[in-house]
N, C-alpha and C. Protein backbone atom coordinates (compact mmCIF):
# COMPACT_ATOMS: atom_id res chain seq x y z
N MET A 1 93.02 58.33 97.38
CA MET A 1 93.83 59.47 96.87
C MET A 1 93.47 59.74 95.27
N GLY A 2 93.32 61.07 95.14
CA GLY A 2 92.68 61.41 93.72
C GLY A 2 93.90 61.53 92.79
N THR A 3 93.76 61.68 91.51
CA THR A 3 94.50 61.85 90.52
C THR A 3 94.52 63.41 89.93
N THR A 4 95.26 64.09 89.62
CA THR A 4 95.32 65.25 88.83
C THR A 4 96.38 65.33 87.72
N THR A 5 95.95 65.77 86.81
CA THR A 5 96.89 65.79 85.56
C THR A 5 97.30 67.17 85.18
N ILE A 6 98.51 67.33 85.15
CA ILE A 6 99.09 68.67 84.73
C ILE A 6 99.78 68.48 83.45
N ARG A 7 99.93 69.54 82.80
CA ARG A 7 100.67 69.69 81.55
C ARG A 7 101.92 70.51 81.80
N ILE A 8 102.89 70.03 81.31
CA ILE A 8 104.03 70.92 81.60
C ILE A 8 104.92 70.75 80.06
N ASP A 9 105.72 71.83 79.62
CA ASP A 9 106.38 71.43 78.55
C ASP A 9 107.50 70.72 78.66
N GLU A 10 108.13 70.09 77.57
CA GLU A 10 109.09 69.29 77.47
C GLU A 10 110.37 69.81 78.34
N GLU A 11 110.77 71.07 78.14
CA GLU A 11 112.02 71.62 79.00
C GLU A 11 111.69 71.47 80.35
N LEU A 12 110.65 71.81 80.82
CA LEU A 12 110.33 71.65 82.56
C LEU A 12 110.31 70.42 82.96
N ARG A 13 109.75 69.60 82.20
CA ARG A 13 109.88 68.08 82.61
C ARG A 13 111.28 67.70 82.65
N THR A 14 112.07 68.11 81.73
CA THR A 14 113.53 67.48 81.76
C THR A 14 114.01 68.12 83.14
N ARG A 15 113.58 69.33 83.53
CA ARG A 15 114.38 70.00 84.57
C ARG A 15 114.05 69.29 85.69
N VAL A 16 112.63 69.27 85.90
CA VAL A 16 112.07 68.53 87.02
C VAL A 16 112.44 67.05 87.22
N ALA A 17 112.82 66.37 86.25
CA ALA A 17 113.48 64.96 86.24
C ALA A 17 114.89 64.99 87.01
N LYS A 18 115.58 66.08 86.36
CA LYS A 18 117.01 66.35 86.78
C LYS A 18 117.11 66.71 88.29
N ALA A 19 116.12 67.73 88.62
CA ALA A 19 116.35 68.18 89.98
C ALA A 19 115.81 67.05 91.02
N ALA A 20 114.67 66.37 90.48
CA ALA A 20 114.37 65.07 91.38
C ALA A 20 115.51 64.30 91.64
N GLU A 21 116.20 63.90 90.57
CA GLU A 21 117.25 62.98 90.49
C GLU A 21 118.40 63.37 91.51
N ARG A 22 118.68 64.78 91.37
CA ARG A 22 119.66 65.28 92.30
C ARG A 22 119.16 65.03 93.81
N VAL A 23 118.14 65.23 93.99
CA VAL A 23 117.65 65.10 95.52
C VAL A 23 117.17 63.68 95.87
N GLY A 24 117.10 62.82 95.01
CA GLY A 24 117.14 61.36 95.38
C GLY A 24 115.67 61.23 95.27
N LYS A 25 114.67 61.77 94.45
CA LYS A 25 113.08 61.56 94.71
C LYS A 25 112.90 61.18 93.13
N THR A 26 111.47 60.65 93.21
CA THR A 26 111.25 60.38 91.59
C THR A 26 110.48 61.78 91.08
N PRO A 27 110.22 61.76 89.91
CA PRO A 27 109.68 63.36 89.58
C PRO A 27 108.19 63.42 90.19
N HIS A 28 107.41 62.23 90.28
CA HIS A 28 106.20 62.52 91.11
C HIS A 28 106.16 62.84 92.19
N ALA A 29 107.28 62.24 93.21
CA ALA A 29 107.25 62.84 94.61
C ALA A 29 108.14 64.15 94.46
N PHE A 30 108.74 64.53 93.72
CA PHE A 30 109.36 65.95 93.68
C PHE A 30 108.30 67.01 93.50
N ILE A 31 107.29 66.63 92.42
CA ILE A 31 106.14 67.64 92.26
C ILE A 31 105.27 67.55 93.08
N VAL A 32 104.81 66.63 93.87
CA VAL A 32 104.00 66.40 94.98
C VAL A 32 104.65 67.39 96.30
N ASP A 33 105.97 67.26 96.49
CA ASP A 33 106.53 68.02 97.31
C ASP A 33 106.65 69.60 97.29
N ALA A 34 106.79 69.96 95.89
CA ALA A 34 106.58 71.15 95.34
C ALA A 34 105.38 71.99 95.69
N ILE A 35 104.33 71.12 95.19
CA ILE A 35 103.03 71.61 95.43
C ILE A 35 102.66 71.88 96.96
N ALA A 36 102.77 70.83 97.72
CA ALA A 36 102.86 71.18 99.32
C ALA A 36 103.53 72.13 99.91
N GLN A 37 104.75 72.29 99.24
CA GLN A 37 105.43 73.48 100.01
C GLN A 37 104.91 74.82 99.72
N THR A 38 104.26 74.98 98.30
CA THR A 38 103.80 76.04 97.92
C THR A 38 102.47 76.41 98.53
N VAL A 39 101.47 75.13 98.77
CA VAL A 39 100.37 75.50 99.45
C VAL A 39 100.51 75.79 101.12
N GLU A 40 101.70 75.26 101.68
CA GLU A 40 101.98 75.72 102.83
C GLU A 40 102.53 77.23 102.92
N GLN A 41 103.34 77.54 101.91
CA GLN A 41 103.83 79.00 102.06
C GLN A 41 102.38 79.97 101.88
N ALA A 42 101.30 79.45 100.84
CA ALA A 42 100.35 80.27 100.74
C ALA A 42 99.42 80.30 101.97
N ASP A 43 99.25 79.48 102.83
CA ASP A 43 98.66 79.61 103.97
C ASP A 43 99.47 80.08 105.07
N LEU A 44 100.69 80.26 105.05
CA LEU A 44 101.66 81.14 106.21
C LEU A 44 101.58 82.38 105.57
N ASP A 45 101.44 82.87 104.12
CA ASP A 45 101.36 84.11 103.78
C ASP A 45 99.89 84.56 104.26
N ALA A 46 98.77 83.85 104.06
CA ALA A 46 97.63 84.35 104.49
C ALA A 46 97.39 84.67 105.98
N VAL A 47 98.07 83.87 106.81
CA VAL A 47 98.03 83.97 108.36
C VAL A 47 98.71 85.58 108.60
N PHE A 48 99.64 85.52 107.83
CA PHE A 48 100.70 86.99 107.98
C PHE A 48 99.88 88.11 107.57
N HIS A 49 99.17 87.89 106.52
CA HIS A 49 98.60 89.24 106.14
C HIS A 49 97.28 89.59 106.98
N ARG A 50 96.60 88.38 107.58
CA ARG A 50 95.40 88.61 108.50
C ARG A 50 96.05 89.46 109.80
N LEU A 51 97.02 88.95 110.25
CA LEU A 51 97.66 89.40 111.36
C LEU A 51 98.00 91.05 111.06
N ALA A 52 98.63 91.22 109.87
CA ALA A 52 99.16 92.55 109.51
C ALA A 52 98.00 93.34 109.33
N ASP A 53 96.87 92.77 108.73
CA ASP A 53 95.38 93.68 108.66
C ASP A 53 94.97 94.01 110.03
N THR A 54 94.98 93.10 110.89
CA THR A 54 94.58 93.42 112.42
C THR A 54 95.37 94.42 112.94
N ARG A 55 96.49 94.36 112.87
CA ARG A 55 97.53 95.23 113.66
C ARG A 55 97.26 96.51 112.91
N TRP A 56 97.16 96.62 111.43
CA TRP A 56 97.23 97.96 111.05
C TRP A 56 95.86 98.57 111.47
N ALA A 57 94.64 97.85 111.61
CA ALA A 57 93.44 98.30 112.01
C ALA A 57 93.36 98.85 113.51
N ASN A 58 94.23 98.30 114.31
CA ASN A 58 94.56 98.76 115.80
C ASN A 58 95.34 100.01 115.47
N VAL A 59 96.14 99.98 114.69
CA VAL A 59 97.06 101.36 114.47
C VAL A 59 95.93 102.41 114.13
N LEU A 60 95.18 102.12 113.19
CA LEU A 60 94.05 103.11 112.89
C LEU A 60 93.17 103.49 113.81
N ALA A 61 92.66 102.76 114.65
CA ALA A 61 91.72 102.69 115.85
C ALA A 61 92.34 103.76 116.88
N THR A 62 93.49 103.24 117.30
CA THR A 62 94.39 103.58 118.54
C THR A 62 95.17 105.02 118.36
N GLY A 63 95.77 105.12 116.87
CA GLY A 63 96.90 105.90 116.67
C GLY A 63 98.07 105.81 117.49
N GLU A 64 98.07 104.39 117.89
CA GLU A 64 99.37 104.24 118.51
C GLU A 64 100.42 103.60 117.58
N THR A 65 101.69 104.00 117.73
CA THR A 65 102.83 103.36 116.91
C THR A 65 104.07 103.43 117.73
N VAL A 66 105.12 102.73 117.15
CA VAL A 66 106.42 103.01 117.87
C VAL A 66 107.08 103.36 116.60
N THR A 67 108.36 104.32 116.91
CA THR A 67 109.16 104.83 116.18
C THR A 67 110.04 103.69 115.41
N TRP A 68 110.30 104.06 114.11
CA TRP A 68 111.29 102.86 113.56
C TRP A 68 112.35 102.86 114.21
N ASP A 69 113.02 103.85 114.92
CA ASP A 69 114.38 103.83 115.40
C ASP A 69 114.22 103.00 116.84
N ASP A 70 113.10 103.25 117.27
CA ASP A 70 113.02 102.32 118.72
C ASP A 70 112.73 100.91 118.54
N ALA A 71 111.88 100.49 117.29
CA ALA A 71 111.55 99.56 116.84
C ALA A 71 112.82 98.52 116.44
N ARG A 72 113.68 99.12 115.80
CA ARG A 72 114.96 98.76 115.16
C ARG A 72 115.93 98.47 116.33
N ALA A 73 116.16 99.30 117.08
CA ALA A 73 116.99 99.06 118.30
C ALA A 73 116.39 97.79 119.11
N TYR A 74 115.13 97.76 119.29
CA TYR A 74 114.57 96.74 119.98
C TYR A 74 114.97 95.28 119.27
N LEU A 75 114.61 95.14 118.26
CA LEU A 75 114.73 94.14 117.20
C LEU A 75 116.21 93.45 117.24
N GLU A 76 117.23 94.68 116.93
CA GLU A 76 118.47 94.42 116.86
C GLU A 76 119.03 93.81 118.23
N SER A 77 118.59 94.17 119.12
CA SER A 77 118.92 93.61 120.55
C SER A 77 118.44 92.12 120.79
N ARG A 78 117.13 91.92 120.44
CA ARG A 78 116.66 90.71 120.62
C ARG A 78 117.41 89.69 119.58
N GLY A 79 117.82 90.31 118.41
CA GLY A 79 118.73 89.59 117.48
C GLY A 79 119.93 88.93 117.93
N ARG A 80 120.52 89.76 118.85
CA ARG A 80 121.78 89.50 119.48
C ARG A 80 121.61 88.87 120.65
N GLY A 81 120.21 87.98 120.83
CA GLY A 81 120.01 87.31 122.00
C GLY A 81 119.85 88.00 123.42
N GLU A 82 119.84 89.62 123.26
CA GLU A 82 119.80 90.42 124.55
C GLU A 82 118.43 90.52 125.08
N ARG A 83 118.37 90.73 126.21
CA ARG A 83 116.91 91.23 126.64
C ARG A 83 116.87 92.65 126.42
N ALA A 84 115.64 93.05 126.11
CA ALA A 84 115.32 94.55 125.56
C ALA A 84 113.90 94.89 126.20
N LYS A 85 113.96 96.14 126.50
CA LYS A 85 112.82 96.83 126.77
C LYS A 85 112.00 96.83 125.45
N ARG A 86 110.58 96.55 125.57
CA ARG A 86 109.54 96.90 124.65
C ARG A 86 109.81 98.44 124.20
N PRO A 87 109.68 98.81 123.15
CA PRO A 87 109.51 100.37 122.66
C PRO A 87 108.30 100.92 123.27
N THR A 88 108.23 102.15 123.47
CA THR A 88 107.04 102.59 124.03
C THR A 88 106.14 102.99 122.98
N THR A 89 105.01 102.82 122.97
CA THR A 89 104.00 103.46 121.94
C THR A 89 103.86 105.03 122.05
N ARG A 90 103.44 105.54 120.93
CA ARG A 90 103.30 107.11 121.02
C ARG A 90 101.80 107.15 119.95
N LYS A 91 101.24 108.29 120.30
CA LYS A 91 100.22 108.59 119.30
C LYS A 91 100.80 109.32 118.10
N THR A 92 100.15 108.72 116.89
CA THR A 92 100.51 109.46 115.62
C THR A 92 100.00 110.66 115.49
N GLY A 93 100.77 111.60 114.71
CA GLY A 93 100.50 112.95 114.51
C GLY A 93 99.04 113.42 113.63
N GLY A 94 98.75 112.40 113.17
CA GLY A 94 97.33 112.47 112.26
C GLY A 94 96.24 112.51 113.03
């Protein structure tokens, strides 16, 4: 395992120590967990953006979309645990 040195001001160092103590961790473990969570979120964000780019490219290529009202009704039904028919795609006007 490698070592990385970070420089943080005294105020942040104190805040980290207090937060780590509240959750029952050492400051080191708290910092390592914070870095791991941030890296995980960055990885998830990258996957999300790749998916969004792929889907946007598909919209541009096919011109097919669903209306917001149809999408919203579908998502609200699913959110309530109901079975919902997927919205029908339509060609965009452009």
